[in-house]
Amino acid sequence: MKRAVDGLSSREFDVLVVGGGIVGACVARDAALRGLDVALIDRADFGGGASANCLKIVHGGLRYLQHLNVRRMRASIRERTAWLRIAPHLVEPMPFVLPIYGRGLERRSVYRVALAINDALSWDRNDGLPRERWLPRGRLLAREECVALVPQLDSPALQGGALVYDAQMYSPERLVLEVVLDACGAGAIAANHVECVAPLYRGGRLAGVRVRDRLDGRRHDVRARVVVLAAGAAAPGLVALLLGRDVPLPPFSLAMNLVAPALGPRVGFAVPSPGGRKLFVAPWRGRTLVGTAHYTYDGDPWAPHAERYVERFLDEVNRSIPGWGLERDDIALVHRGQVPLEPGGGGGRRGASGNVAAEPVLLRHHRIVDHTADGAPGLLTVVAEKFTTARRIAEEVVDRVFRKLGRPSPPCVTAEVPLPGAPRSAYALLEDAARHYAGLDPELRDALVRTYGRRYVHVLGAPTGDLDREALLRREFAFAMRNEMACGPGDLLARRAHLGARGLDDPVAERIARELTSARASGAAAVPASGAA
């Protein structure tokens, strides 16, 4: 996968996708696999926005039963299975404990019915999966079992729990990247760090966009018969840029997840917070994730004044689980992003007591806005709220693109076609790596296998004895720069390698990343050869 900026102006595309998060990446992949001529751009890096800010859960929608939304739950179950099927190295089963307190909807009898419905609706949850990736049936737990699994839930009010199974992403950033890789493998042209600066019109109709390469400042005209905006919180501004006026779209707010030290439990769990909602805690790659907090704030999530929301969230966590006593310095990283709200949902949700809860009302269903009525029949904007269902949303978007092109739509195959790094068995791949690269540190070796899947051999090259850590980092970074469109230190550390997303402070990795990317920028031939394909 090469950064093909010059190729963006080489021809008229069937569809240009603006936004390289999980939705935009899935749109580009689906369109390319169905035979369309596709271009994909992102103002920053692929998977660098809200897609990376999540609790890493690919969920089956059990909570939708509270509103009897069986259709939405069924869709989530199917999509969870699809991700387990096409990316077994990046998505794996995860057990969760839901506490039962014996009041309201949290009675044992209610959970018994909910688990039965969940099992009935997920009858095909393991279709096409290797047995190692099968999701077991949920079951009720006695109080003693619940406390043994999650001591943090121990309280006089606890009556037991429910053990359910969802799935967890090893790396959402890598999952987005693999989707982009597959799109490019199917013929799409992609380029990161490219931003829209103006619309292109022909005969009074939108015919594409003018873009600026943020690395060298050059401008290119990208002509396309259909433009799909999948740019998250940037979508309202882009729509205004392309149409010359504002168009009503869902508002956005701040979402945060904390990356804390490993705090004990090997299973995920939910815990009630004093505000009346549930926090979810999950073990992840030697860390503990806590989330998700939502606040009515539409500014830059990384601005200094947004730090007050981090402190507010940390206080809520400490009041929910007093034994942890987390301080700000304990938090390795705060994953931050902007998520869409229901129109008018920024004022918060009222609980049974009539108090306004801390979080705003999130968008319940994705929106695909056809701008024909706005004078731009070749423009679609998609606003989506969940990573889990991004593939299915993209399928709906591409169906609409075919209708706009006036062409019959081939069937969508993205739920069945494995992603580039997908092995037949993740466990077998780890065992194979242990045999052929026995001299490597086992933890680093396993991280590379989980990060790259069966492509890990292209990163490491031929087994030639031991590699020290610096040599291994140089090979990995060189591979990412040659084959995965990594352009700067942030791309390498946060979204290509297995380091940044966990908040690891690694001066050696930072030095190598700066050295290699600055050498490329200066034109020096300092990117070392590796086993890169």
Protein backbone atom coordinates (compact mmCIF):
# COMPACT_ATOMS: atom_id res chain seq x y z
CA MET A 1 0.00 0.00 0.00
CA LYS A 2 1.65 3.18 -1.23
CA ARG A 3 0.64 6.77 -0.60
CA ALA A 4 -0.67 7.56 -4.09
CA VAL A 5 -1.26 11.31 -3.95
CA ASP A 6 -0.40 11.90 -7.62
CA GLY A 7 -2.81 9.12 -8.60
CA LEU A 8 -5.69 11.11 -7.13
CA SER A 9 -5.74 13.42 -10.16
CA SER A 10 -5.11 10.71 -12.75
CA ARG A 11 -8.75 10.04 -13.71
CA GLU A 12 -12.37 10.43 -12.72
CA PHE A 13 -13.28 8.00 -9.94
CA ASP A 14 -16.63 6.35 -9.44
CA VAL A 15 -16.51 7.32 -5.79
CA LEU A 16 -14.26 9.46 -3.58
CA VAL A 17 -14.43 8.66 0.14
CA VAL A 18 -13.40 11.50 2.44
CA GLY A 19 -12.51 10.22 5.90
CA GLY A 20 -10.35 7.23 6.75
CA GLY A 21 -11.89 6.12 10.03
CA ILE A 22 -13.57 2.75 10.26
CA VAL A 23 -16.70 3.81 8.34
CA GLY A 24 -14.82 5.48 5.49
CA ALA A 25 -12.36 2.60 5.28
CA CYS A 26 -15.21 0.09 5.13
CA VAL A 27 -16.95 2.11 2.40
CA ALA A 28 -13.77 2.18 0.32
CA ARG A 29 -13.17 -1.55 0.79
CA ASP A 30 -16.72 -2.54 -0.06
CA ALA A 31 -16.85 -0.29 -3.12
CA ALA A 32 -13.50 -1.57 -4.40
CA LEU A 33 -14.40 -5.22 -3.85
CA ARG A 34 -17.62 -4.64 -5.82
CA GLY A 35 -15.63 -3.32 -8.76
CA LEU A 36 -15.91 0.45 -8.41
CA ASP A 37 -12.99 2.80 -9.06
CA VAL A 38 -12.33 4.23 -5.60
CA ALA A 39 -10.24 6.97 -4.00
CA LEU A 40 -9.88 7.38 -0.22
CA ILE A 41 -8.35 10.33 1.61
CA ASP A 42 -7.98 11.46 5.20
CA ARG A 43 -6.89 14.83 6.55
CA ALA A 44 -4.73 13.11 9.18
CA ASP A 45 -3.94 9.40 9.41
CA PHE A 46 -6.18 6.41 8.90
CA GLY A 47 -7.90 5.39 12.12
CA GLY A 48 -6.51 8.36 14.00
CA GLY A 49 -9.76 9.91 15.21
CA ALA A 50 -12.81 8.56 16.98
CA SER A 51 -12.22 5.04 15.62
CA ALA A 52 -9.20 4.72 17.90
CA ASN A 53 -11.10 6.09 20.88
CA CYS A 54 -13.25 3.25 22.05
CA LEU A 55 -13.45 0.56 24.70
CA LYS A 56 -12.18 -1.91 22.04
CA ILE A 57 -15.40 -3.90 22.34
CA VAL A 58 -17.16 -5.42 19.35
CA HIS A 59 -20.49 -5.98 21.05
CA GLY A 60 -23.58 -8.01 20.35
CA GLY A 61 -25.99 -5.38 21.63
CA LEU A 62 -27.33 -7.13 24.73
CA ARG A 63 -28.21 -3.76 26.24
CA TYR A 64 -30.61 -3.07 23.35
CA LEU A 65 -32.99 -5.52 25.02
CA GLN A 66 -33.78 -2.79 27.55
CA HIS A 67 -35.65 -1.03 24.76
CA LEU A 68 -36.79 -4.25 23.06
CA ASN A 69 -34.77 -3.25 20.00
CA VAL A 70 -34.37 -6.78 18.70
CA ARG A 71 -33.57 -5.67 15.16
CA ARG A 72 -30.61 -3.56 16.29
CA MET A 73 -29.40 -6.32 18.58
CA ARG A 74 -29.59 -8.90 15.80
CA ALA A 75 -27.58 -6.61 13.49
CA SER A 76 -24.87 -6.21 16.15
CA ILE A 77 -24.66 -9.98 16.65
CA ARG A 78 -24.15 -10.55 12.92
CA GLU A 79 -21.49 -7.86 12.70
CA ARG A 80 -19.62 -9.20 15.74
CA THR A 81 -19.42 -12.57 14.01
CA ALA A 82 -18.24 -10.94 10.79
CA TRP A 83 -15.31 -9.21 12.53
CA LEU A 84 -14.35 -12.41 14.34
CA ARG A 85 -14.43 -14.18 10.98
CA ILE A 86 -12.47 -11.74 8.82
CA ALA A 87 -9.92 -10.55 11.42
CA PRO A 88 -9.23 -13.40 13.88
CA HIS A 89 -5.81 -11.96 14.80
CA LEU A 90 -7.31 -8.61 15.79
CA VAL A 91 -10.67 -9.63 17.27
CA GLU A 92 -11.14 -12.29 19.95
CA PRO A 93 -13.82 -13.42 22.44
CA MET A 94 -14.04 -11.52 25.72
CA PRO A 95 -16.04 -12.61 28.81
CA PHE A 96 -17.96 -9.93 30.73
CA VAL A 97 -19.55 -10.02 34.16
CA LEU A 98 -22.71 -7.98 34.68
CA PRO A 99 -23.59 -7.54 38.37
CA ILE A 100 -27.09 -8.32 39.67
CA TYR A 101 -28.42 -6.28 42.58
CA GLY A 102 -32.02 -7.49 42.75
CA ARG A 103 -33.82 -4.27 41.95
CA GLY A 104 -35.60 -2.95 38.87
CA LEU A 105 -34.28 -4.51 35.71
CA GLU A 106 -31.31 -5.90 37.61
CA ARG A 107 -33.18 -8.86 39.06
CA ARG A 108 -31.99 -12.40 38.57
CA SER A 109 -35.23 -13.37 36.83
CA VAL A 110 -34.83 -10.52 34.33
CA TYR A 111 -31.29 -11.55 33.49
CA ARG A 112 -32.38 -15.18 33.08
CA VAL A 113 -34.86 -14.10 30.43
CA ALA A 114 -32.35 -11.73 28.81
CA LEU A 115 -29.74 -14.48 28.51
CA ALA A 116 -32.29 -16.84 26.99
CA ILE A 117 -33.30 -14.22 24.41
CA ASN A 118 -29.65 -13.44 23.70
CA ASP A 119 -28.89 -17.11 23.05
CA ALA A 120 -31.93 -17.44 20.81
CA LEU A 121 -31.08 -14.35 18.76
CA SER A 122 -27.42 -15.32 18.45
CA TRP A 123 -28.04 -18.87 17.28
CA ASP A 124 -25.56 -18.35 14.41
CA ARG A 125 -22.97 -16.40 16.40
CA ASN A 126 -20.22 -18.95 15.68
CA ASP A 127 -20.92 -19.53 11.98
CA GLY A 128 -17.71 -19.76 10.00
CA LEU A 129 -15.50 -19.30 13.07
CA PRO A 130 -12.71 -21.63 14.19
CA ARG A 131 -13.57 -23.28 17.49
CA GLU A 132 -10.96 -21.14 19.28
CA ARG A 133 -13.07 -18.09 18.43
CA TRP A 134 -16.46 -19.51 19.44
CA LEU A 135 -18.57 -17.50 21.88
CA PRO A 136 -20.08 -19.70 24.62
CA ARG A 137 -23.61 -19.31 25.94
CA GLY A 138 -24.13 -16.83 28.74
CA ARG A 139 -24.99 -18.04 32.24
CA LEU A 140 -25.99 -16.74 35.66
CA LEU A 141 -23.41 -16.57 38.44
CA ALA A 142 -23.88 -17.07 42.14
CA ARG A 143 -22.68 -14.23 44.33
CA GLU A 144 -19.53 -16.16 45.30
CA GLU A 145 -18.64 -16.84 41.67
CA CYS A 146 -19.18 -13.21 40.77
CA VAL A 147 -16.90 -11.92 43.53
CA ALA A 148 -14.25 -14.54 42.73
CA LEU A 149 -14.09 -13.33 39.13
CA VAL A 150 -14.34 -9.61 39.95
CA PRO A 151 -13.50 -8.71 43.58
CA GLN A 152 -14.23 -5.05 42.80
CA LEU A 153 -17.94 -5.90 42.63
CA ASP A 154 -18.09 -7.13 46.22
CA SER A 155 -20.71 -5.18 48.15
CA PRO A 156 -23.60 -6.00 50.51
CA ALA A 157 -26.10 -5.25 47.72
CA LEU A 158 -24.58 -7.71 45.24
CA GLN A 159 -26.73 -10.81 44.69
CA GLY A 160 -24.84 -12.43 41.82
CA GLY A 161 -24.06 -11.77 38.22
CA ALA A 162 -24.43 -12.77 34.59
CA LEU A 163 -21.48 -14.00 32.55
CA VAL A 164 -21.82 -13.01 28.89
CA TYR A 165 -19.45 -13.07 25.93
CA ASP A 166 -18.64 -10.34 23.45
CA ALA A 167 -15.49 -9.66 21.46
CA GLN A 168 -12.52 -7.36 21.94
CA MET A 169 -10.22 -5.69 19.43
CA TYR A 170 -6.50 -6.07 19.92
CA SER A 171 -6.04 -2.79 18.07
CA PRO A 172 -8.80 -0.73 16.41
CA GLU A 173 -6.09 1.32 14.67
CA ARG A 174 -4.67 -1.79 13.03
CA LEU A 175 -8.15 -3.04 12.18
CA VAL A 176 -8.88 0.20 10.31
CA LEU A 177 -5.54 -0.04 8.54
CA GLU A 178 -6.18 -3.61 7.42
CA VAL A 179 -9.50 -2.53 5.95
CA VAL A 180 -7.66 0.21 4.01
CA LEU A 181 -5.00 -2.30 2.93
CA ASP A 182 -7.68 -4.58 1.55
CA ALA A 183 -9.34 -1.69 -0.27
CA CYS A 184 -6.01 -0.86 -1.93
CA GLY A 185 -5.47 -4.52 -2.74
CA ALA A 186 -8.79 -4.42 -4.59
CA GLY A 187 -7.69 -1.41 -6.63
CA ALA A 188 -8.52 1.65 -4.52
CA ILE A 189 -6.14 4.60 -4.43
CA ALA A 190 -5.58 5.94 -0.92
CA ALA A 191 -3.64 8.79 0.65
CA ASN A 192 -3.47 10.02 4.22
CA HIS A 193 -2.56 13.56 5.33
CA VAL A 194 -4.59 15.00 2.44
CA GLU A 195 -7.32 17.56 3.12
CA CYS A 196 -10.22 18.97 1.11
CA VAL A 197 -9.86 22.68 0.44
CA ALA A 198 -12.52 23.44 -2.19
CA PRO A 199 -15.29 21.86 -4.26
CA LEU A 200 -14.96 21.12 -7.96
CA TYR A 201 -18.00 21.91 -10.09
CA ARG A 202 -18.75 20.97 -13.67
CA GLY A 203 -21.89 22.17 -15.40
CA GLY A 204 -23.17 23.48 -12.08
CA ARG A 205 -22.87 20.08 -10.39
CA LEU A 206 -20.43 18.89 -7.75
CA ALA A 207 -17.82 16.85 -9.62
CA GLY A 208 -15.16 16.24 -6.98
CA VAL A 209 -12.91 18.17 -4.62
CA ARG A 210 -9.64 20.06 -4.65
CA VAL A 211 -7.25 18.72 -2.04
CA ARG A 212 -3.99 19.81 -0.45
CA ASP A 213 -1.20 17.43 0.45
CA ARG A 214 -0.39 18.45 4.02
CA LEU A 215 3.13 17.05 3.70
CA ASP A 216 4.35 19.09 0.72
CA GLY A 217 1.59 21.67 0.22
CA ARG A 218 0.79 20.67 -3.36
CA ARG A 219 -2.81 20.77 -4.56
CA HIS A 220 -4.62 18.19 -6.66
CA ASP A 221 -8.03 18.02 -8.28
CA VAL A 222 -9.84 14.77 -7.47
CA ARG A 223 -12.75 14.17 -9.84
CA ALA A 224 -15.45 11.73 -8.81
CA ARG A 225 -19.00 10.95 -9.86
CA VAL A 226 -20.01 10.41 -6.22
CA VAL A 227 -18.41 11.86 -3.09
CA VAL A 228 -19.01 10.15 0.26
CA LEU A 229 -18.20 12.15 3.39
CA ALA A 230 -17.40 9.82 6.28
CA ALA A 231 -15.37 12.34 8.24
CA GLY A 232 -16.95 12.14 11.69
CA ALA A 233 -17.03 15.44 13.53
CA ALA A 234 -15.45 17.19 10.52
CA ALA A 235 -18.47 16.33 8.34
CA PRO A 236 -20.55 19.48 9.06
CA GLY A 237 -17.64 21.73 8.11
CA LEU A 238 -16.92 19.74 4.95
CA VAL A 239 -20.55 19.83 3.89
CA ALA A 240 -20.55 23.61 4.35
CA LEU A 241 -17.31 23.85 2.34
CA LEU A 242 -18.67 21.80 -0.56
CA LEU A 243 -22.16 23.31 -0.65
CA GLY A 244 -21.37 26.85 0.40
CA ARG A 245 -23.83 26.76 3.29
CA ASP A 246 -24.60 24.86 6.48
CA VAL A 247 -26.81 21.78 6.33
CA PRO A 248 -28.36 20.31 9.51
CA LEU A 249 -26.41 17.26 10.69
CA PRO A 250 -26.23 15.55 14.11
CA PRO A 251 -24.07 17.43 16.62
CA PHE A 252 -20.99 15.89 18.23
CA SER A 253 -19.69 15.64 21.76
CA LEU A 254 -16.66 14.41 23.70
CA ALA A 255 -16.09 10.72 24.45
CA MET A 256 -13.23 9.38 26.59
CA ASN A 257 -11.76 6.08 27.70
CA LEU A 258 -8.98 5.73 30.27
CA VAL A 259 -5.96 3.47 29.80
CA ALA A 260 -4.97 2.54 33.36
CA PRO A 261 -2.41 0.09 34.78
CA ALA A 262 -3.36 -3.57 34.99
CA LEU A 263 -5.77 -3.64 37.93
CA GLY A 264 -6.50 -7.30 38.39
CA PRO A 265 -9.55 -8.87 36.74
CA ARG A 266 -9.05 -11.09 33.72
CA VAL A 267 -12.63 -10.54 32.59
CA GLY A 268 -14.49 -7.40 31.68
CA PHE A 269 -17.18 -6.14 34.01
CA ALA A 270 -19.76 -3.42 34.48
CA VAL A 271 -20.04 -1.36 37.64
CA PRO A 272 -22.73 1.20 38.55
CA SER A 273 -21.54 4.75 39.00
CA PRO A 274 -22.98 7.32 41.42
CA GLY A 275 -24.43 9.16 38.43
CA GLY A 276 -26.78 6.27 37.73
CA ARG A 277 -25.10 4.85 34.64
CA LYS A 278 -22.71 1.94 34.15
CA LEU A 279 -18.97 2.06 33.68
CA PHE A 280 -17.35 -0.77 31.76
CA VAL A 281 -13.93 -2.09 32.67
CA ALA A 282 -11.91 -4.44 30.48
CA PRO A 283 -8.44 -5.99 30.64
CA TRP A 284 -6.54 -5.15 27.46
CA ARG A 285 -2.95 -5.87 26.42
CA GLY A 286 -1.52 -5.69 29.92
CA ARG A 287 -3.59 -2.62 30.79
CA THR A 288 -7.07 -1.88 32.07
CA LEU A 289 -9.55 0.11 30.00
CA VAL A 290 -12.31 2.11 31.71
CA GLY A 291 -15.07 3.84 29.80
CA THR A 292 -16.87 5.32 28.22
CA ALA A 293 -17.54 8.85 29.45
CA HIS A 294 -19.58 11.26 27.32
CA TYR A 295 -19.71 15.00 27.89
CA THR A 296 -21.41 17.85 26.07
CA TYR A 297 -18.38 19.51 24.57
CA ASP A 298 -17.84 20.13 20.86
CA GLY A 299 -14.31 21.54 20.96
CA ASP A 300 -10.93 19.95 20.33
CA PRO A 301 -10.72 16.80 22.54
CA TRP A 302 -6.99 17.44 23.02
CA ALA A 303 -7.23 21.13 23.92
CA PRO A 304 -5.84 21.98 27.39
CA HIS A 305 -9.24 23.07 28.71
CA ALA A 306 -10.64 19.60 27.87
CA GLU A 307 -8.50 18.23 30.70
CA ARG A 308 -11.20 19.17 33.19
CA TYR A 309 -13.36 16.41 31.73
CA VAL A 310 -10.58 13.89 32.33
CA GLU A 311 -10.48 14.89 35.99
CA ARG A 312 -14.26 14.68 36.19
CA PHE A 313 -14.26 11.20 34.68
CA LEU A 314 -11.44 10.03 36.96
CA ASP A 315 -13.41 11.23 39.98
CA GLU A 316 -16.42 9.22 38.80
CA VAL A 317 -14.27 6.10 38.43
CA ASN A 318 -12.85 6.48 41.93
CA ARG A 319 -16.31 6.93 43.42
CA SER A 320 -17.52 3.84 41.55
CA ILE A 321 -14.55 1.65 42.56
CA PRO A 322 -13.14 3.25 45.74
CA GLY A 323 -10.44 0.62 46.21
CA TRP A 324 -8.52 1.73 43.17
CA GLY A 325 -7.79 5.31 44.22
CA LEU A 326 -6.51 6.27 40.79
CA GLU A 327 -4.67 9.54 40.36
CA ARG A 328 -4.09 11.46 37.14
CA ASP A 329 -0.47 10.30 36.96
CA ASP A 330 -1.65 6.68 37.05
CA ILE A 331 -3.43 7.08 33.71
CA ALA A 332 -1.11 6.06 30.89
CA LEU A 333 -3.31 7.54 28.18
CA VAL A 334 -6.74 9.02 27.65
CA HIS A 335 -8.34 7.92 24.40
CA ARG A 336 -10.44 10.87 23.22
CA GLY A 337 -12.79 11.35 20.32
CA GLN A 338 -15.97 13.02 19.15
CA VAL A 339 -19.17 11.02 18.76
CA PRO A 340 -22.52 12.00 17.24
CA LEU A 341 -25.57 12.89 19.32
CA GLU A 342 -29.26 12.82 18.74
CA PRO A 343 -30.36 16.24 17.46
CA GLY A 344 -31.03 18.29 20.56
CA GLY A 345 -29.42 15.56 22.70
CA GLY A 346 -26.65 17.68 24.14
CA GLY A 347 -28.57 18.56 27.27
CA GLY A 348 -28.22 15.17 28.88
CA ARG A 349 -30.59 12.34 29.70
CA ARG A 350 -32.94 12.45 32.65
CA GLY A 351 -32.90 9.52 34.99
CA ALA A 352 -35.68 8.19 37.19
CA SER A 353 -34.98 10.88 39.77
CA GLY A 354 -35.44 13.63 37.22
CA ASN A 355 -31.78 14.68 37.44
CA VAL A 356 -29.88 15.27 34.22
CA ALA A 357 -27.21 12.61 33.79
CA ALA A 358 -23.62 13.54 32.98
CA GLU A 359 -23.68 12.13 29.49
CA PRO A 360 -25.59 13.51 26.50
CA VAL A 361 -27.95 11.41 24.39
CA LEU A 362 -25.91 9.55 21.78
CA LEU A 363 -27.09 8.98 18.24
CA ARG A 364 -29.21 5.83 18.27
CA HIS A 365 -29.09 5.05 14.56
CA HIS A 366 -26.65 6.02 11.86
CA ARG A 367 -27.61 8.66 9.32
CA ILE A 368 -26.94 8.58 5.59
CA VAL A 369 -27.76 12.02 4.21
CA ASP A 370 -28.41 12.33 0.47
CA HIS A 371 -27.71 15.92 -0.55
CA THR A 372 -29.79 15.83 -3.72
CA ALA A 373 -32.26 18.23 -2.12
CA ASP A 374 -29.33 20.53 -1.31
CA GLY A 375 -28.40 20.73 -4.98
CA ALA A 376 -25.64 18.10 -4.85
CA PRO A 377 -27.01 14.74 -6.09
CA GLY A 378 -23.50 13.29 -6.15
CA LEU A 379 -22.86 13.87 -2.44
CA LEU A 380 -23.61 11.54 0.48
CA THR A 381 -22.75 12.15 4.12
CA VAL A 382 -22.70 9.27 6.60
CA VAL A 383 -22.71 9.84 10.36
CA ALA A 384 -22.33 6.68 12.44
CA GLU A 385 -22.09 5.92 16.11
CA LYS A 386 -20.59 2.42 16.45
CA PHE A 387 -17.41 0.65 15.35
CA THR A 388 -19.21 -2.71 15.51
CA THR A 389 -21.69 -1.97 12.73
CA ALA A 390 -19.39 0.06 10.44
CA ARG A 391 -19.12 -2.75 7.89
CA ARG A 392 -22.90 -3.05 7.57
CA ILE A 393 -23.34 0.73 7.36
CA ALA A 394 -20.76 0.81 4.57
CA GLU A 395 -22.72 -1.86 2.70
CA GLU A 396 -25.78 0.37 2.80
CA VAL A 397 -23.76 3.37 1.62
CA VAL A 398 -22.25 1.48 -1.32
CA ASP A 399 -25.71 0.23 -2.35
CA ARG A 400 -26.73 3.88 -2.58
CA VAL A 401 -23.62 4.75 -4.57
CA PHE A 402 -24.52 2.13 -7.17
CA ARG A 403 -28.01 3.55 -7.41
CA LYS A 404 -26.58 7.02 -7.99
CA LEU A 405 -24.28 5.66 -10.66
CA GLY A 406 -27.23 3.95 -12.33
CA ARG A 407 -25.49 0.58 -12.24
CA PRO A 408 -26.64 -2.78 -10.90
CA SER A 409 -24.98 -3.57 -7.58
CA PRO A 410 -23.03 -6.82 -7.18
CA PRO A 411 -23.50 -8.54 -3.83
CA CYS A 412 -21.47 -7.31 -0.87
CA VAL A 413 -18.77 -9.79 0.20
CA THR A 414 -17.04 -7.87 2.99
CA ALA A 415 -18.47 -10.06 5.76
CA GLU A 416 -16.82 -13.14 4.25
CA VAL A 417 -13.53 -12.01 2.66
CA PRO A 418 -10.70 -12.17 5.23
CA LEU A 419 -8.56 -9.11 5.80
CA PRO A 420 -4.94 -9.23 4.55
CA GLY A 421 -3.36 -10.37 7.82
CA ALA A 422 -6.08 -12.85 8.76
CA PRO A 423 -4.77 -16.35 9.52
CA ARG A 424 -6.86 -19.50 9.55
CA SER A 425 -6.03 -19.82 13.25
CA ALA A 426 -4.58 -17.08 15.43
CA TYR A 427 -3.30 -19.67 17.91
CA ALA A 428 -1.58 -21.71 15.19
CA LEU A 429 0.07 -18.55 13.86
CA LEU A 430 1.46 -17.73 17.32
CA GLU A 431 2.82 -21.27 17.61
CA ASP A 432 4.39 -21.03 14.16
CA ALA A 433 6.11 -17.78 15.09
CA ALA A 434 7.43 -19.32 18.30
CA ARG A 435 9.04 -22.14 16.31
CA HIS A 436 10.61 -20.01 13.58
CA TYR A 437 11.59 -16.99 15.69
CA ALA A 438 12.49 -18.69 18.95
CA GLY A 439 15.28 -16.20 19.61
CA LEU A 440 12.95 -13.23 19.91
CA ASP A 441 11.52 -11.99 23.18
CA PRO A 442 8.22 -13.92 23.44
CA GLU A 443 6.18 -10.88 24.45
CA LEU A 444 7.47 -8.78 21.54
CA ARG A 445 7.09 -11.67 19.10
CA ASP A 446 3.48 -12.30 20.11
CA ALA A 447 2.70 -8.59 19.87
CA LEU A 448 4.03 -8.52 16.31
CA VAL A 449 1.96 -11.56 15.35
CA ARG A 450 -1.20 -10.08 16.85
CA THR A 451 -0.48 -6.71 15.20
CA TYR A 452 0.31 -7.90 11.67
CA GLY A 453 -1.30 -11.34 11.53
CA ARG A 454 0.23 -13.56 8.88
CA ARG A 455 2.02 -10.51 7.45
CA TYR A 456 4.39 -10.56 10.44
CA VAL A 457 6.94 -12.58 8.42
CA HIS A 458 7.31 -9.63 6.04
CA VAL A 459 8.15 -7.42 9.00
CA LEU A 460 10.71 -9.75 10.53
CA GLY A 461 12.20 -11.18 7.35
CA ALA A 462 14.02 -14.49 7.30
CA PRO A 463 14.85 -15.99 10.73
CA THR A 464 18.51 -14.97 11.08
CA GLY A 465 19.22 -15.41 14.76
CA ASP A 466 18.43 -13.01 17.56
CA LEU A 467 17.35 -9.42 16.99
CA ASP A 468 17.85 -6.89 19.74
CA ARG A 469 14.96 -4.59 20.49
CA GLU A 470 16.31 -1.62 18.55
CA ALA A 471 16.93 -3.72 15.44
CA LEU A 472 13.40 -5.10 15.70
CA LEU A 473 11.90 -1.61 15.98
CA ARG A 474 13.88 -0.47 12.95
CA ARG A 475 12.54 -3.36 10.90
CA GLU A 476 8.98 -2.72 12.02
CA PHE A 477 9.12 1.02 11.36
CA ALA A 478 10.81 0.51 7.99
CA PHE A 479 8.06 -1.90 6.99
CA ALA A 480 5.36 0.57 8.00
CA MET A 481 6.98 3.39 6.05
CA ARG A 482 7.46 1.31 2.92
CA ASN A 483 4.20 -0.60 2.92
CA GLU A 484 1.65 1.04 5.25
CA MET A 485 1.79 4.74 4.44
CA ALA A 486 3.35 5.79 7.77
CA CYS A 487 4.54 9.37 7.28
CA GLY A 488 5.54 10.72 10.68
CA PRO A 489 6.46 9.62 14.20
CA GLY A 490 2.82 9.74 15.30
CA ASP A 491 1.75 7.38 12.51
CA LEU A 492 4.46 4.92 13.51
CA LEU A 493 4.13 5.03 17.28
CA ALA A 494 0.38 5.40 17.72
CA ARG A 495 -1.16 3.50 14.81
CA ARG A 496 1.33 1.15 13.11
CA ALA A 497 3.39 -0.34 15.91
CA HIS A 498 2.00 -1.87 19.07
CA LEU A 499 3.23 0.89 21.39
CA GLY A 500 1.38 4.18 21.39
CA ALA A 501 -2.20 3.02 21.89
CA ARG A 502 -1.26 1.62 25.30
CA GLY A 503 0.39 4.86 26.40
CA LEU A 504 3.85 3.32 26.57
CA ASP A 505 6.64 5.83 27.14
CA ASP A 506 9.44 4.45 24.96
CA PRO A 507 12.31 6.89 24.32
CA VAL A 508 14.15 4.40 22.09
CA ALA A 509 11.13 3.91 19.83
CA GLU A 510 10.52 7.66 19.72
CA ARG A 511 14.14 8.34 18.75
CA ILE A 512 14.08 5.76 15.95
CA ALA A 513 10.72 7.02 14.64
CA ARG A 514 11.98 10.61 14.52
CA GLU A 515 15.24 9.53 12.90
CA LEU A 516 13.62 7.50 10.12
CA THR A 517 10.84 9.95 9.29
CA SER A 518 13.13 12.99 9.32
CA ALA A 519 15.56 11.13 7.06
CA ARG A 520 12.75 10.48 4.58
CA ALA A 521 11.64 14.11 4.72
CA SER A 522 15.20 15.27 3.92
CA GLY A 523 15.52 12.79 1.06
CA ALA A 524 18.27 10.76 2.72
CA ALA A 525 18.37 7.02 2.10
CA ALA A 526 18.21 6.15 5.78
CA VAL A 527 15.24 3.79 5.87
CA PRO A 528 16.91 0.43 6.33
CA ALA A 529 16.09 -2.59 4.27
CA SER A 530 13.87 -5.13 5.95
CA GLY A 531 11.89 -8.15 5.05
CA ALA A 532 9.21 -5.81 3.71
CA ALA A 533 7.20 -7.15 0.83
